[in-house]
Amino acid sequence: MSEKRRPKIPSQDRLERQAVYYLERYASSADNLRKVLERKVYKACMAHDLAPESYAEAIDAVVDKAVQTGLVNDRAYAETKIASLRRRGKSALRIVAFLKSKGIDGALIDELLETSEDTDGAAAWAYAKRRRLGPYRRAEHRADRRTKDLAALVRAGFSYGLAQTIIDADADETDGAPD
């Protein structure tokens, strides 16, 4: 059996290459990139009995360079994620929680959600359609599953009133539903 490969000792150049490689594959916020690099440094430091704290300045320099060169843009990242998550049927509450976990500022999130053309209503319809809830469920099972469908929409972060409106809509009158 082969041994696991030992991570190499971190250096400024190596951290920059790791950051570029990561950013080629994934969109990221500045704080998320910092967390990714910190995990890599921690793993390498544990393998070589080094102090991860000694690499904090190098990580900050790499993240700052990525922001200055435009590889990382928190506003563009948040706008893209909001649009993507809305299309997938995520509520504003879920979007806020996700973006905060990625290190996006709460004021920026609120600003972008206010200016976004997508609404919770359209996202709720998309969620119901994707999960086949309410009017998207087969007619013979709708009445039996009404409570569970309501609960699913509310757990997804939508208001109870909005959930009721969607679940109680007729199959032929999905007027608020996106195409």
C-alpha atoms as a PDB file:
ATOM      1  CA  MET A   1       0.000   0.000   0.000  1.00  0.00           C
ATOM      2  CA  SER A   2       1.146   3.502  -0.704  1.00  0.00           C
ATOM      3  CA  GLU A   3       1.561   6.041   2.046  1.00  0.00           C
ATOM      4  CA  LYS A   4      -0.451   9.221   2.093  1.00  0.00           C
ATOM      5  CA  ARG A   5       1.377  12.113   0.562  1.00  0.00           C
ATOM      6  CA  ARG A   6       2.631  14.642   3.062  1.00  0.00           C
ATOM      7  CA  PRO A   7       1.612  18.249   2.326  1.00  0.00           C
ATOM      8  CA  LYS A   8       4.465  20.571   1.420  1.00  0.00           C
ATOM      9  CA  ILE A   9       5.579  23.377   3.700  1.00  0.00           C
ATOM     10  CA  PRO A  10       3.575  26.530   2.914  1.00  0.00           C
ATOM     11  CA  SER A  11       5.288  29.495   1.272  1.00  0.00           C
ATOM     12  CA  GLN A  12       3.999  32.757  -0.157  1.00  0.00           C
ATOM     13  CA  ASP A  13       4.413  31.473  -3.707  1.00  0.00           C
ATOM     14  CA  ARG A  14       2.754  28.142  -2.928  1.00  0.00           C
ATOM     15  CA  LEU A  15      -0.196  29.892  -1.244  1.00  0.00           C
ATOM     16  CA  GLU A  16      -0.653  32.138  -4.290  1.00  0.00           C
ATOM     17  CA  ARG A  17      -0.671  29.135  -6.617  1.00  0.00           C
ATOM     18  CA  GLN A  18      -3.150  27.295  -4.381  1.00  0.00           C
ATOM     19  CA  ALA A  19      -5.403  30.352  -4.320  1.00  0.00           C
ATOM     20  CA  VAL A  20      -5.326  30.729  -8.106  1.00  0.00           C
ATOM     21  CA  TYR A  21      -5.984  27.017  -8.578  1.00  0.00           C
ATOM     22  CA  TYR A  22      -8.937  27.178  -6.185  1.00  0.00           C
ATOM     23  CA  LEU A  23     -10.336  30.317  -7.839  1.00  0.00           C
ATOM     24  CA  GLU A  24     -10.049  28.734 -11.289  1.00  0.00           C
ATOM     25  CA  ARG A  25     -12.389  26.004 -10.117  1.00  0.00           C
ATOM     26  CA  TYR A  26     -14.739  27.844  -7.742  1.00  0.00           C
ATOM     27  CA  ALA A  27     -16.177  31.299  -7.275  1.00  0.00           C
ATOM     28  CA  SER A  28     -15.366  32.572  -3.826  1.00  0.00           C
ATOM     29  CA  SER A  29     -15.629  35.475  -1.437  1.00  0.00           C
ATOM     30  CA  ALA A  30     -12.524  36.926   0.184  1.00  0.00           C
ATOM     31  CA  ASP A  31     -13.380  35.437   3.563  1.00  0.00           C
ATOM     32  CA  ASN A  32     -14.069  32.015   2.068  1.00  0.00           C
ATOM     33  CA  LEU A  33     -10.735  32.075   0.224  1.00  0.00           C
ATOM     34  CA  ARG A  34      -9.049  32.954   3.514  1.00  0.00           C
ATOM     35  CA  LYS A  35     -10.719  29.944   5.199  1.00  0.00           C
ATOM     36  CA  VAL A  36      -9.640  27.627   2.384  1.00  0.00           C
ATOM     37  CA  LEU A  37      -6.027  28.787   2.626  1.00  0.00           C
ATOM     38  CA  GLU A  38      -6.092  28.543   6.428  1.00  0.00           C
ATOM     39  CA  ARG A  39      -7.232  24.905   6.171  1.00  0.00           C
ATOM     40  CA  LYS A  40      -4.430  24.123   3.735  1.00  0.00           C
ATOM     41  CA  VAL A  41      -1.843  25.824   5.950  1.00  0.00           C
ATOM     42  CA  TYR A  42      -3.173  24.082   9.065  1.00  0.00           C
ATOM     43  CA  LYS A  43      -2.975  20.675   7.386  1.00  0.00           C
ATOM     44  CA  ALA A  44       0.599  21.300   6.206  1.00  0.00           C
ATOM     45  CA  CYS A  45       1.665  22.708   9.573  1.00  0.00           C
ATOM     46  CA  MET A  46       0.308  19.694  11.439  1.00  0.00           C
ATOM     47  CA  ALA A  47       2.258  17.376   9.133  1.00  0.00           C
ATOM     48  CA  HIS A  48       5.509  19.311   9.713  1.00  0.00           C
ATOM     49  CA  ASP A  49       5.040  20.358  13.370  1.00  0.00           C
ATOM     50  CA  LEU A  50       4.902  24.072  12.515  1.00  0.00           C
ATOM     51  CA  ALA A  51       2.799  26.868  13.982  1.00  0.00           C
ATOM     52  CA  PRO A  52      -0.108  27.786  11.653  1.00  0.00           C
ATOM     53  CA  GLU A  53      -0.324  31.260  13.219  1.00  0.00           C
ATOM     54  CA  SER A  54       3.007  32.198  11.653  1.00  0.00           C
ATOM     55  CA  TYR A  55       1.384  32.080   8.197  1.00  0.00           C
ATOM     56  CA  ALA A  56      -1.446  34.517   8.949  1.00  0.00           C
ATOM     57  CA  GLU A  57       0.312  37.464   7.290  1.00  0.00           C
ATOM     58  CA  ALA A  58       1.077  35.435   4.169  1.00  0.00           C
ATOM     59  CA  ILE A  59      -2.552  34.340   3.896  1.00  0.00           C
ATOM     60  CA  ASP A  60      -3.746  37.935   4.321  1.00  0.00           C
ATOM     61  CA  ALA A  61      -1.326  39.092   1.629  1.00  0.00           C
ATOM     62  CA  VAL A  62      -2.545  36.434  -0.818  1.00  0.00           C
ATOM     63  CA  VAL A  63      -6.211  37.287  -0.173  1.00  0.00           C
ATOM     64  CA  ASP A  64      -5.524  41.023  -0.520  1.00  0.00           C
ATOM     65  CA  LYS A  65      -3.693  40.419  -3.794  1.00  0.00           C
ATOM     66  CA  ALA A  66      -6.616  38.336  -5.104  1.00  0.00           C
ATOM     67  CA  VAL A  67      -9.043  41.140  -4.220  1.00  0.00           C
ATOM     68  CA  GLN A  68      -6.847  43.844  -5.775  1.00  0.00           C
ATOM     69  CA  THR A  69      -6.368  41.919  -9.014  1.00  0.00           C
ATOM     70  CA  GLY A  70     -10.096  41.252  -9.284  1.00  0.00           C
ATOM     71  CA  LEU A  71      -9.932  37.486  -8.871  1.00  0.00           C
ATOM     72  CA  VAL A  72     -12.162  37.865  -5.816  1.00  0.00           C
ATOM     73  CA  ASN A  73     -15.096  40.277  -5.769  1.00  0.00           C
ATOM     74  CA  ASP A  74     -17.552  39.863  -2.893  1.00  0.00           C
ATOM     75  CA  ARG A  75     -20.290  41.911  -4.589  1.00  0.00           C
ATOM     76  CA  ALA A  76     -20.175  39.956  -7.846  1.00  0.00           C
ATOM     77  CA  TYR A  77     -19.989  36.670  -5.940  1.00  0.00           C
ATOM     78  CA  ALA A  78     -23.031  37.583  -3.842  1.00  0.00           C
ATOM     79  CA  GLU A  79     -25.038  38.760  -6.881  1.00  0.00           C
ATOM     80  CA  THR A  80     -24.309  35.529  -8.719  1.00  0.00           C
ATOM     81  CA  LYS A  81     -25.141  33.349  -5.730  1.00  0.00           C
ATOM     82  CA  ILE A  82     -28.403  35.218  -5.047  1.00  0.00           C
ATOM     83  CA  ALA A  83     -29.554  34.712  -8.634  1.00  0.00           C
ATOM     84  CA  SER A  84     -28.543  31.061  -8.608  1.00  0.00           C
ATOM     85  CA  LEU A  85     -30.147  30.296  -5.259  1.00  0.00           C
ATOM     86  CA  ARG A  86     -33.374  32.086  -6.222  1.00  0.00           C
ATOM     87  CA  ARG A  87     -33.621  29.989  -9.392  1.00  0.00           C
ATOM     88  CA  ARG A  88     -33.239  26.882  -7.258  1.00  0.00           C
ATOM     89  CA  GLY A  89     -36.107  28.018  -5.019  1.00  0.00           C
ATOM     90  CA  LYS A  90     -34.236  29.219  -1.941  1.00  0.00           C
ATOM     91  CA  SER A  91     -35.876  31.722   0.399  1.00  0.00           C
ATOM     92  CA  ALA A  92     -34.345  35.015   1.453  1.00  0.00           C
ATOM     93  CA  LEU A  93     -33.634  33.529   4.899  1.00  0.00           C
ATOM     94  CA  ARG A  94     -31.673  30.650   3.375  1.00  0.00           C
ATOM     95  CA  ILE A  95     -29.799  32.985   1.045  1.00  0.00           C
ATOM     96  CA  VAL A  96     -28.792  35.292   3.903  1.00  0.00           C
ATOM     97  CA  ALA A  97     -27.600  32.348   6.003  1.00  0.00           C
ATOM     98  CA  PHE A  98     -25.592  30.891   3.115  1.00  0.00           C
ATOM     99  CA  LEU A  99     -23.910  34.169   2.173  1.00  0.00           C
ATOM    100  CA  LYS A 100     -23.074  34.995   5.787  1.00  0.00           C
ATOM    101  CA  SER A 101     -21.439  31.585   6.122  1.00  0.00           C
ATOM    102  CA  LYS A 102     -19.259  32.535   3.152  1.00  0.00           C
ATOM    103  CA  GLY A 103     -18.203  35.778   4.856  1.00  0.00           C
ATOM    104  CA  ILE A 104     -20.297  38.286   2.921  1.00  0.00           C
ATOM    105  CA  ASP A 105     -21.217  41.431   4.860  1.00  0.00           C
ATOM    106  CA  GLY A 106     -24.838  41.562   6.063  1.00  0.00           C
ATOM    107  CA  ALA A 107     -25.373  45.107   4.765  1.00  0.00           C
ATOM    108  CA  LEU A 108     -24.248  44.055   1.276  1.00  0.00           C
ATOM    109  CA  ILE A 109     -26.567  41.045   1.374  1.00  0.00           C
ATOM    110  CA  ASP A 110     -29.542  43.192   2.384  1.00  0.00           C
ATOM    111  CA  GLU A 111     -28.759  45.739  -0.344  1.00  0.00           C
ATOM    112  CA  LEU A 112     -28.508  43.086  -3.033  1.00  0.00           C
ATOM    113  CA  LEU A 113     -31.673  41.297  -1.926  1.00  0.00           C
ATOM    114  CA  GLU A 114     -33.613  44.598  -2.012  1.00  0.00           C
ATOM    115  CA  THR A 115     -32.427  45.410  -5.531  1.00  0.00           C
ATOM    116  CA  SER A 116     -32.880  41.862  -6.813  1.00  0.00           C
ATOM    117  CA  GLU A 117     -35.728  41.377  -9.261  1.00  0.00           C
ATOM    118  CA  ASP A 118     -36.363  37.891  -7.929  1.00  0.00           C
ATOM    119  CA  THR A 119     -38.821  37.588  -5.058  1.00  0.00           C
ATOM    120  CA  ASP A 120     -39.586  35.068  -2.367  1.00  0.00           C
ATOM    121  CA  GLY A 121     -42.841  34.305  -4.179  1.00  0.00           C
ATOM    122  CA  ALA A 122     -41.139  33.235  -7.382  1.00  0.00           C
ATOM    123  CA  ALA A 123     -38.573  31.248  -5.401  1.00  0.00           C
ATOM    124  CA  ALA A 124     -41.350  29.511  -3.440  1.00  0.00           C
ATOM    125  CA  TRP A 125     -43.097  28.527  -6.692  1.00  0.00           C
ATOM    126  CA  ALA A 126     -39.812  27.207  -8.062  1.00  0.00           C
ATOM    127  CA  TYR A 127     -39.247  25.225  -4.865  1.00  0.00           C
ATOM    128  CA  ALA A 128     -42.778  23.772  -4.996  1.00  0.00           C
ATOM    129  CA  LYS A 129     -42.332  22.817  -8.634  1.00  0.00           C
ATOM    130  CA  ARG A 130     -38.923  21.231  -8.039  1.00  0.00           C
ATOM    131  CA  ARG A 131     -40.214  19.242  -5.049  1.00  0.00           C
ATOM    132  CA  ARG A 132     -43.618  18.545  -6.677  1.00  0.00           C
ATOM    133  CA  LEU A 133     -45.582  20.136  -3.862  1.00  0.00           C
ATOM    134  CA  GLY A 134     -49.172  21.401  -3.899  1.00  0.00           C
ATOM    135  CA  PRO A 135     -50.418  22.040  -7.430  1.00  0.00           C
ATOM    136  CA  TYR A 136     -47.496  20.074  -8.879  1.00  0.00           C
ATOM    137  CA  ARG A 137     -48.458  16.915  -6.991  1.00  0.00           C
ATOM    138  CA  ARG A 138     -50.726  14.251  -8.493  1.00  0.00           C
ATOM    139  CA  ALA A 139     -54.346  15.172  -7.764  1.00  0.00           C
ATOM    140  CA  GLU A 140     -55.195  11.974  -5.903  1.00  0.00           C
ATOM    141  CA  HIS A 141     -52.427  12.588  -3.324  1.00  0.00           C
ATOM    142  CA  ARG A 142     -52.838  16.345  -2.796  1.00  0.00           C
ATOM    143  CA  ALA A 143     -55.317  16.308   0.074  1.00  0.00           C
ATOM    144  CA  ASP A 144     -53.411  13.655   2.016  1.00  0.00           C
ATOM    145  CA  ARG A 145     -50.102  15.484   1.677  1.00  0.00           C
ATOM    146  CA  ARG A 146     -51.286  19.094   2.215  1.00  0.00           C
ATOM    147  CA  THR A 147     -49.896  19.418   5.750  1.00  0.00           C
ATOM    148  CA  LYS A 148     -46.562  17.900   4.793  1.00  0.00           C
ATOM    149  CA  ASP A 149     -46.308  20.156   1.747  1.00  0.00           C
ATOM    150  CA  LEU A 150     -47.006  23.231   3.895  1.00  0.00           C
ATOM    151  CA  ALA A 151     -44.395  22.133   6.395  1.00  0.00           C
ATOM    152  CA  ALA A 152     -41.822  21.600   3.643  1.00  0.00           C
ATOM    153  CA  LEU A 153     -42.295  25.137   2.311  1.00  0.00           C
ATOM    154  CA  VAL A 154     -42.162  26.682   5.786  1.00  0.00           C
ATOM    155  CA  ARG A 155     -39.025  24.705   6.677  1.00  0.00           C
ATOM    156  CA  ALA A 156     -37.476  26.011   3.466  1.00  0.00           C
ATOM    157  CA  GLY A 157     -37.805  29.511   4.931  1.00  0.00           C
ATOM    158  CA  PHE A 158     -40.988  30.779   3.279  1.00  0.00           C
ATOM    159  CA  SER A 159     -43.801  32.410   5.248  1.00  0.00           C
ATOM    160  CA  TYR A 160     -46.812  30.346   6.242  1.00  0.00           C
ATOM    161  CA  GLY A 161     -49.160  32.622   4.283  1.00  0.00           C
ATOM    162  CA  LEU A 162     -47.125  32.248   1.103  1.00  0.00           C
ATOM    163  CA  ALA A 163     -46.934  28.493   1.644  1.00  0.00           C
ATOM    164  CA  GLN A 164     -50.714  28.287   2.007  1.00  0.00           C
ATOM    165  CA  THR A 165     -51.252  30.311  -1.158  1.00  0.00           C
ATOM    166  CA  ILE A 166     -49.028  27.999  -3.172  1.00  0.00           C
ATOM    167  CA  ILE A 167     -50.196  24.685  -1.711  1.00  0.00           C
ATOM    168  CA  ASP A 168     -53.885  25.586  -2.031  1.00  0.00           C
ATOM    169  CA  ALA A 169     -53.578  26.851  -5.628  1.00  0.00           C
ATOM    170  CA  ASP A 170     -55.300  24.846  -8.320  1.00  0.00           C
ATOM    171  CA  ALA A 171     -53.119  22.936 -10.725  1.00  0.00           C
ATOM    172  CA  ASP A 172     -54.351  25.031 -13.635  1.00  0.00           C
ATOM    173  CA  GLU A 173     -53.909  28.412 -11.924  1.00  0.00           C
ATOM    174  CA  THR A 174     -50.215  28.547 -11.180  1.00  0.00           C
ATOM    175  CA  ASP A 175     -50.185  32.230 -12.212  1.00  0.00           C
ATOM    176  CA  GLY A 176     -47.404  33.192  -9.788  1.00  0.00           C
ATOM    177  CA  ALA A 177     -45.287  30.301 -10.926  1.00  0.00           C
ATOM    178  CA  PRO A 178     -42.204  30.956 -12.984  1.00  0.00           C
ATOM    179  CA  ASP A 179     -42.073  29.333 -16.404  1.00  0.00           C
END
